[in-house]
């Protein structure tokens, strides 16, 4: 099988470094948000004072982590597009179906098989990053709305509840989808590797 990068750093290494970096950035952002929330909580009033602290922590930490992930996903985007470059619609469809069904393309040394392997390997790395990015972004967007959930103004409270509910539904919808696609990509890589070994 071919490698998906010409440089010394593999997609897996890039992803591992991105996760480590994002954890520290998100934690630092959460601390900054918590401090800011405590300051706002002391000058504020009402039943949502504790939610101000929680909301600021979630907002700053979530957005900081999301932007950290975005930097890596943008870096991997050209590599994700490369395996499908120059292929016809039928070729793209063949690769997509093979990965979804975890059925390696034969023969293993064909151009289409190599492209499918490279794409599956990249998807196995990039889709967990995309999931983490979206969840952190949702957290960052929902954070400022938490104090509004118990606001005395019906419109403000209603808007906050609708937005948080929509983000929660989106998270529940997209998380299983991305996890399923990630598992399919990983299983394809494993199956293709085993098929190539049998043909040697």
C-alpha atoms as a PDB file:
ATOM      1  CA  UNK A   1       0.000   0.000   0.000  1.00  0.00           C
ATOM      2  CA  UNK A   2       1.029   3.575  -0.602  1.00  0.00           C
ATOM      3  CA  UNK A   3       1.609   6.260   1.934  1.00  0.00           C
ATOM      4  CA  UNK A   4      -0.693   9.252   2.004  1.00  0.00           C
ATOM      5  CA  UNK A   5       2.027  11.766   2.751  1.00  0.00           C
ATOM      6  CA  UNK A   6       5.289  12.399   1.032  1.00  0.00           C
ATOM      7  CA  UNK A   7       6.814  14.045   4.094  1.00  0.00           C
ATOM      8  CA  UNK A   8       8.129  12.440   7.230  1.00  0.00           C
ATOM      9  CA  UNK A   9       4.974  13.021   9.267  1.00  0.00           C
ATOM     10  CA  UNK A  10       2.063  10.626   8.872  1.00  0.00           C
ATOM     11  CA  UNK A  11      -1.605  11.618   9.237  1.00  0.00           C
ATOM     12  CA  UNK A  12      -1.760   9.565  12.422  1.00  0.00           C
ATOM     13  CA  UNK A  13       1.128  11.554  13.915  1.00  0.00           C
ATOM     14  CA  UNK A  14      -0.517  14.823  12.897  1.00  0.00           C
ATOM     15  CA  UNK A  15      -3.768  13.751  14.556  1.00  0.00           C
ATOM     16  CA  UNK A  16      -2.073  12.645  17.778  1.00  0.00           C
ATOM     17  CA  UNK A  17      -0.300  15.965  18.063  1.00  0.00           C
ATOM     18  CA  UNK A  18      -3.547  17.809  17.326  1.00  0.00           C
ATOM     19  CA  UNK A  19      -5.375  15.971  20.114  1.00  0.00           C
ATOM     20  CA  UNK A  20      -2.607  16.684  22.620  1.00  0.00           C
ATOM     21  CA  UNK A  21      -2.454  20.344  21.628  1.00  0.00           C
ATOM     22  CA  UNK A  22      -6.228  20.738  21.720  1.00  0.00           C
ATOM     23  CA  UNK A  23      -6.526  19.265  25.211  1.00  0.00           C
ATOM     24  CA  UNK A  24      -4.100  21.823  26.605  1.00  0.00           C
ATOM     25  CA  UNK A  25      -5.594  24.721  24.645  1.00  0.00           C
ATOM     26  CA  UNK A  26      -9.136  23.813  25.678  1.00  0.00           C
ATOM     27  CA  UNK A  27      -8.093  23.469  29.331  1.00  0.00           C
ATOM     28  CA  UNK A  28      -6.320  26.827  29.236  1.00  0.00           C
ATOM     29  CA  UNK A  29      -9.367  28.390  27.607  1.00  0.00           C
ATOM     30  CA  UNK A  30     -11.630  26.841  30.223  1.00  0.00           C
ATOM     31  CA  UNK A  31      -9.519  28.319  33.029  1.00  0.00           C
ATOM     32  CA  UNK A  32      -9.599  31.765  31.420  1.00  0.00           C
ATOM     33  CA  UNK A  33     -13.338  31.441  30.885  1.00  0.00           C
ATOM     34  CA  UNK A  34     -13.889  30.358  34.479  1.00  0.00           C
ATOM     35  CA  UNK A  35     -11.973  33.365  35.812  1.00  0.00           C
ATOM     36  CA  UNK A  36     -13.942  35.675  33.539  1.00  0.00           C
ATOM     37  CA  UNK A  37     -17.170  33.999  34.612  1.00  0.00           C
ATOM     38  CA  UNK A  38     -16.369  34.458  38.302  1.00  0.00           C
ATOM     39  CA  UNK A  39     -15.802  38.174  37.704  1.00  0.00           C
ATOM     40  CA  UNK A  40     -19.127  38.492  35.888  1.00  0.00           C
ATOM     41  CA  UNK A  41     -20.904  36.393  38.505  1.00  0.00           C
ATOM     42  CA  UNK A  42     -19.790  38.703  41.309  1.00  0.00           C
ATOM     43  CA  UNK A  43     -21.160  41.806  39.613  1.00  0.00           C
ATOM     44  CA  UNK A  44     -24.327  40.080  38.447  1.00  0.00           C
ATOM     45  CA  UNK A  45     -27.478  39.013  40.153  1.00  0.00           C
ATOM     46  CA  UNK A  46     -30.285  36.529  39.726  1.00  0.00           C
ATOM     47  CA  UNK A  47     -30.706  32.756  39.709  1.00  0.00           C
ATOM     48  CA  UNK A  48     -28.333  32.231  36.787  1.00  0.00           C
ATOM     49  CA  UNK A  49     -25.159  33.437  38.488  1.00  0.00           C
ATOM     50  CA  UNK A  50     -23.603  29.968  38.711  1.00  0.00           C
ATOM     51  CA  UNK A  51     -24.544  29.315  35.092  1.00  0.00           C
ATOM     52  CA  UNK A  52     -22.561  32.413  34.132  1.00  0.00           C
ATOM     53  CA  UNK A  53     -19.379  30.739  35.386  1.00  0.00           C
ATOM     54  CA  UNK A  54     -20.232  27.429  33.737  1.00  0.00           C
ATOM     55  CA  UNK A  55     -21.228  29.158  30.509  1.00  0.00           C
ATOM     56  CA  UNK A  56     -18.059  31.236  30.269  1.00  0.00           C
ATOM     57  CA  UNK A  57     -15.944  28.162  30.991  1.00  0.00           C
ATOM     58  CA  UNK A  58     -17.703  26.168  28.266  1.00  0.00           C
ATOM     59  CA  UNK A  59     -17.661  29.030  25.770  1.00  0.00           C
ATOM     60  CA  UNK A  60     -13.985  29.947  25.963  1.00  0.00           C
ATOM     61  CA  UNK A  61     -12.737  26.383  26.402  1.00  0.00           C
ATOM     62  CA  UNK A  62     -14.965  25.017  23.646  1.00  0.00           C
ATOM     63  CA  UNK A  63     -14.153  27.707  21.098  1.00  0.00           C
ATOM     64  CA  UNK A  64     -10.427  27.561  21.853  1.00  0.00           C
ATOM     65  CA  UNK A  65     -10.410  23.796  21.361  1.00  0.00           C
ATOM     66  CA  UNK A  66     -12.514  24.032  18.197  1.00  0.00           C
ATOM     67  CA  UNK A  67     -10.171  26.551  16.571  1.00  0.00           C
ATOM     68  CA  UNK A  68      -7.233  24.312  17.464  1.00  0.00           C
ATOM     69  CA  UNK A  69      -8.937  21.424  15.662  1.00  0.00           C
ATOM     70  CA  UNK A  70      -9.805  23.586  12.657  1.00  0.00           C
ATOM     71  CA  UNK A  71      -6.113  24.269  12.046  1.00  0.00           C
ATOM     72  CA  UNK A  72      -5.449  20.538  11.717  1.00  0.00           C
ATOM     73  CA  UNK A  73      -8.516  19.733   9.602  1.00  0.00           C
ATOM     74  CA  UNK A  74      -7.537  22.488   7.175  1.00  0.00           C
ATOM     75  CA  UNK A  75      -4.055  20.988   6.967  1.00  0.00           C
ATOM     76  CA  UNK A  76      -5.457  17.540   6.173  1.00  0.00           C
ATOM     77  CA  UNK A  77      -8.029  18.753   3.624  1.00  0.00           C
ATOM     78  CA  UNK A  78      -5.677  18.696   0.581  1.00  0.00           C
ATOM     79  CA  UNK A  79      -4.590  15.162   1.492  1.00  0.00           C
ATOM     80  CA  UNK A  80      -8.241  14.068   1.745  1.00  0.00           C
ATOM     81  CA  UNK A  81      -8.958  15.432  -1.718  1.00  0.00           C
ATOM     82  CA  UNK A  82      -5.878  13.912  -3.360  1.00  0.00           C
ATOM     83  CA  UNK A  83      -7.028  10.229  -3.564  1.00  0.00           C
ATOM     84  CA  UNK A  84     -10.150  11.248  -5.499  1.00  0.00           C
ATOM     85  CA  UNK A  85      -8.376  13.718  -7.767  1.00  0.00           C
ATOM     86  CA  UNK A  86      -8.800  13.012 -11.471  1.00  0.00           C
ATOM     87  CA  UNK A  87     -11.255  10.144 -10.943  1.00  0.00           C
ATOM     88  CA  UNK A  88     -14.504   9.805 -12.836  1.00  0.00           C
ATOM     89  CA  UNK A  89     -17.821   9.800 -11.019  1.00  0.00           C
ATOM     90  CA  UNK A  90     -17.992   6.014 -11.268  1.00  0.00           C
ATOM     91  CA  UNK A  91     -14.492   5.699  -9.804  1.00  0.00           C
ATOM     92  CA  UNK A  92     -15.416   7.913  -6.871  1.00  0.00           C
ATOM     93  CA  UNK A  93     -18.587   5.916  -6.318  1.00  0.00           C
ATOM     94  CA  UNK A  94     -16.674   2.635  -6.411  1.00  0.00           C
ATOM     95  CA  UNK A  95     -14.242   3.855  -3.760  1.00  0.00           C
ATOM     96  CA  UNK A  96     -16.998   5.255  -1.535  1.00  0.00           C
ATOM     97  CA  UNK A  97     -18.998   2.027  -1.698  1.00  0.00           C
ATOM     98  CA  UNK A  98     -15.943  -0.124  -1.045  1.00  0.00           C
ATOM     99  CA  UNK A  99     -15.064   1.840   2.092  1.00  0.00           C
ATOM    100  CA  UNK A 100     -18.663   1.914   3.331  1.00  0.00           C
ATOM    101  CA  UNK A 101     -18.995  -1.851   2.841  1.00  0.00           C
ATOM    102  CA  UNK A 102     -15.440  -2.543   4.098  1.00  0.00           C
ATOM    103  CA  UNK A 103     -14.832  -4.583   0.936  1.00  0.00           C
ATOM    104  CA  UNK A 104     -11.272  -4.076  -0.392  1.00  0.00           C
ATOM    105  CA  UNK A 105     -10.953  -3.334  -4.093  1.00  0.00           C
ATOM    106  CA  UNK A 106      -9.179  -6.038  -6.081  1.00  0.00           C
ATOM    107  CA  UNK A 107      -6.461  -6.372  -7.176  1.00  0.00           C
ATOM    108  CA  UNK A 108      -4.766  -4.793  -4.192  1.00  0.00           C
ATOM    109  CA  UNK A 109      -1.972  -3.246  -6.273  1.00  0.00           C
ATOM    110  CA  UNK A 110      -4.321  -1.448  -8.678  1.00  0.00           C
ATOM    111  CA  UNK A 111      -4.500   2.343  -8.776  1.00  0.00           C
ATOM    112  CA  UNK A 112      -8.105   2.346  -7.556  1.00  0.00           C
ATOM    113  CA  UNK A 113      -7.247   0.058  -4.635  1.00  0.00           C
ATOM    114  CA  UNK A 114      -4.360   2.295  -3.581  1.00  0.00           C
ATOM    115  CA  UNK A 115      -6.562   5.378  -3.761  1.00  0.00           C
ATOM    116  CA  UNK A 116      -9.259   3.689  -1.678  1.00  0.00           C
ATOM    117  CA  UNK A 117      -6.712   2.621   0.937  1.00  0.00           C
ATOM    118  CA  UNK A 118      -5.263   6.119   1.175  1.00  0.00           C
ATOM    119  CA  UNK A 119      -8.700   7.721   1.464  1.00  0.00           C
ATOM    120  CA  UNK A 120      -9.863   5.252   4.117  1.00  0.00           C
ATOM    121  CA  UNK A 121      -6.687   5.778   6.117  1.00  0.00           C
ATOM    122  CA  UNK A 122      -7.148   9.546   6.007  1.00  0.00           C
ATOM    123  CA  UNK A 123     -10.824   9.322   6.919  1.00  0.00           C
ATOM    124  CA  UNK A 124     -10.019   7.107   9.880  1.00  0.00           C
ATOM    125  CA  UNK A 125      -7.825   9.937  11.158  1.00  0.00           C
ATOM    126  CA  UNK A 126      -9.751  13.027  10.070  1.00  0.00           C
ATOM    127  CA  UNK A 127     -13.304  12.090  11.019  1.00  0.00           C
ATOM    128  CA  UNK A 128     -12.613  11.813  14.772  1.00  0.00           C
ATOM    129  CA  UNK A 129     -10.951  15.229  14.495  1.00  0.00           C
ATOM    130  CA  UNK A 130     -14.026  16.604  12.740  1.00  0.00           C
ATOM    131  CA  UNK A 131     -16.271  15.149  15.433  1.00  0.00           C
ATOM    132  CA  UNK A 132     -14.174  16.677  18.201  1.00  0.00           C
ATOM    133  CA  UNK A 133     -14.146  19.993  16.360  1.00  0.00           C
ATOM    134  CA  UNK A 134     -17.927  20.101  15.988  1.00  0.00           C
ATOM    135  CA  UNK A 135     -18.634  19.046  19.575  1.00  0.00           C
ATOM    136  CA  UNK A 136     -16.251  21.669  20.944  1.00  0.00           C
ATOM    137  CA  UNK A 137     -17.786  24.274  18.643  1.00  0.00           C
ATOM    138  CA  UNK A 138     -21.286  23.348  19.810  1.00  0.00           C
ATOM    139  CA  UNK A 139     -20.099  23.642  23.411  1.00  0.00           C
ATOM    140  CA  UNK A 140     -18.597  27.040  22.696  1.00  0.00           C
ATOM    141  CA  UNK A 141     -21.810  28.282  21.088  1.00  0.00           C
ATOM    142  CA  UNK A 142     -24.093  26.876  23.779  1.00  0.00           C
ATOM    143  CA  UNK A 143     -21.978  28.163  26.685  1.00  0.00           C
ATOM    144  CA  UNK A 144     -23.083  31.823  26.525  1.00  0.00           C
ATOM    145  CA  UNK A 145     -26.716  30.695  26.369  1.00  0.00           C
ATOM    146  CA  UNK A 146     -26.643  28.765  29.654  1.00  0.00           C
ATOM    147  CA  UNK A 147     -27.390  31.788  31.893  1.00  0.00           C
ATOM    148  CA  UNK A 148     -30.249  32.706  29.566  1.00  0.00           C
ATOM    149  CA  UNK A 149     -32.011  29.417  30.263  1.00  0.00           C
ATOM    150  CA  UNK A 150     -33.277  30.807  33.580  1.00  0.00           C
ATOM    151  CA  UNK A 151     -33.617  34.433  32.488  1.00  0.00           C
ATOM    152  CA  UNK A 152     -36.709  36.349  33.592  1.00  0.00           C
ATOM    153  CA  UNK A 153     -37.313  37.544  30.035  1.00  0.00           C
ATOM    154  CA  UNK A 154     -39.436  34.889  28.266  1.00  0.00           C
ATOM    155  CA  UNK A 155     -37.969  35.695  24.835  1.00  0.00           C
ATOM    156  CA  UNK A 156     -34.361  35.458  26.036  1.00  0.00           C
ATOM    157  CA  UNK A 157     -35.028  32.232  27.924  1.00  0.00           C
ATOM    158  CA  UNK A 158     -36.964  30.752  25.008  1.00  0.00           C
ATOM    159  CA  UNK A 159     -34.264  31.601  22.484  1.00  0.00           C
ATOM    160  CA  UNK A 160     -31.563  30.082  24.695  1.00  0.00           C
ATOM    161  CA  UNK A 161     -33.543  26.888  25.169  1.00  0.00           C
ATOM    162  CA  UNK A 162     -34.292  26.535  21.456  1.00  0.00           C
ATOM    163  CA  UNK A 163     -30.652  27.112  20.484  1.00  0.00           C
ATOM    164  CA  UNK A 164     -29.276  24.718  23.100  1.00  0.00           C
ATOM    165  CA  UNK A 165     -31.881  22.130  22.137  1.00  0.00           C
ATOM    166  CA  UNK A 166     -30.999  22.444  18.449  1.00  0.00           C
ATOM    167  CA  UNK A 167     -27.285  22.055  19.173  1.00  0.00           C
ATOM    168  CA  UNK A 168     -27.987  19.018  21.339  1.00  0.00           C
ATOM    169  CA  UNK A 169     -30.079  17.409  18.612  1.00  0.00           C
ATOM    170  CA  UNK A 170     -27.372  18.110  16.027  1.00  0.00           C
ATOM    171  CA  UNK A 171     -24.770  16.508  18.282  1.00  0.00           C
ATOM    172  CA  UNK A 172     -26.947  13.418  18.766  1.00  0.00           C
ATOM    173  CA  UNK A 173     -27.528  13.184  15.003  1.00  0.00           C
ATOM    174  CA  UNK A 174     -23.980  13.678  13.737  1.00  0.00           C
ATOM    175  CA  UNK A 175     -22.019  11.815  16.421  1.00  0.00           C
ATOM    176  CA  UNK A 176     -23.271   8.289  15.542  1.00  0.00           C
ATOM    177  CA  UNK A 177     -22.880   9.046  11.816  1.00  0.00           C
ATOM    178  CA  UNK A 178     -19.249  10.129  12.109  1.00  0.00           C
ATOM    179  CA  UNK A 179     -18.438   7.271  14.477  1.00  0.00           C
ATOM    180  CA  UNK A 180     -19.947   4.757  12.051  1.00  0.00           C
ATOM    181  CA  UNK A 181     -17.983   6.211   9.131  1.00  0.00           C
ATOM    182  CA  UNK A 182     -14.804   6.150  11.199  1.00  0.00           C
ATOM    183  CA  UNK A 183     -15.289   2.477  12.070  1.00  0.00           C
ATOM    184  CA  UNK A 184     -15.931   1.649   8.412  1.00  0.00           C
ATOM    185  CA  UNK A 185     -12.748   3.433   7.334  1.00  0.00           C
ATOM    186  CA  UNK A 186     -10.645   1.665   9.972  1.00  0.00           C
ATOM    187  CA  UNK A 187     -12.066  -1.725   9.063  1.00  0.00           C
ATOM    188  CA  UNK A 188     -11.406  -1.074   5.387  1.00  0.00           C
ATOM    189  CA  UNK A 189      -7.775  -0.237   6.107  1.00  0.00           C
ATOM    190  CA  UNK A 190      -7.415  -3.439   8.114  1.00  0.00           C
ATOM    191  CA  UNK A 191      -9.159  -5.577   5.489  1.00  0.00           C
ATOM    192  CA  UNK A 192      -7.171  -4.033   2.627  1.00  0.00           C
ATOM    193  CA  UNK A 193      -3.900  -4.568   4.480  1.00  0.00           C
ATOM    194  CA  UNK A 194      -4.752  -8.227   5.068  1.00  0.00           C
ATOM    195  CA  UNK A 195      -5.815  -8.692   1.430  1.00  0.00           C
ATOM    196  CA  UNK A 196      -2.564  -7.165   0.178  1.00  0.00           C
ATOM    197  CA  UNK A 197      -0.553  -9.444   2.476  1.00  0.00           C
ATOM    198  CA  UNK A 198      -2.315 -12.531   1.089  1.00  0.00           C
ATOM    199  CA  UNK A 199      -1.446 -11.561  -2.483  1.00  0.00           C
ATOM    200  CA  UNK A 200       2.280 -11.291  -1.808  1.00  0.00           C
END
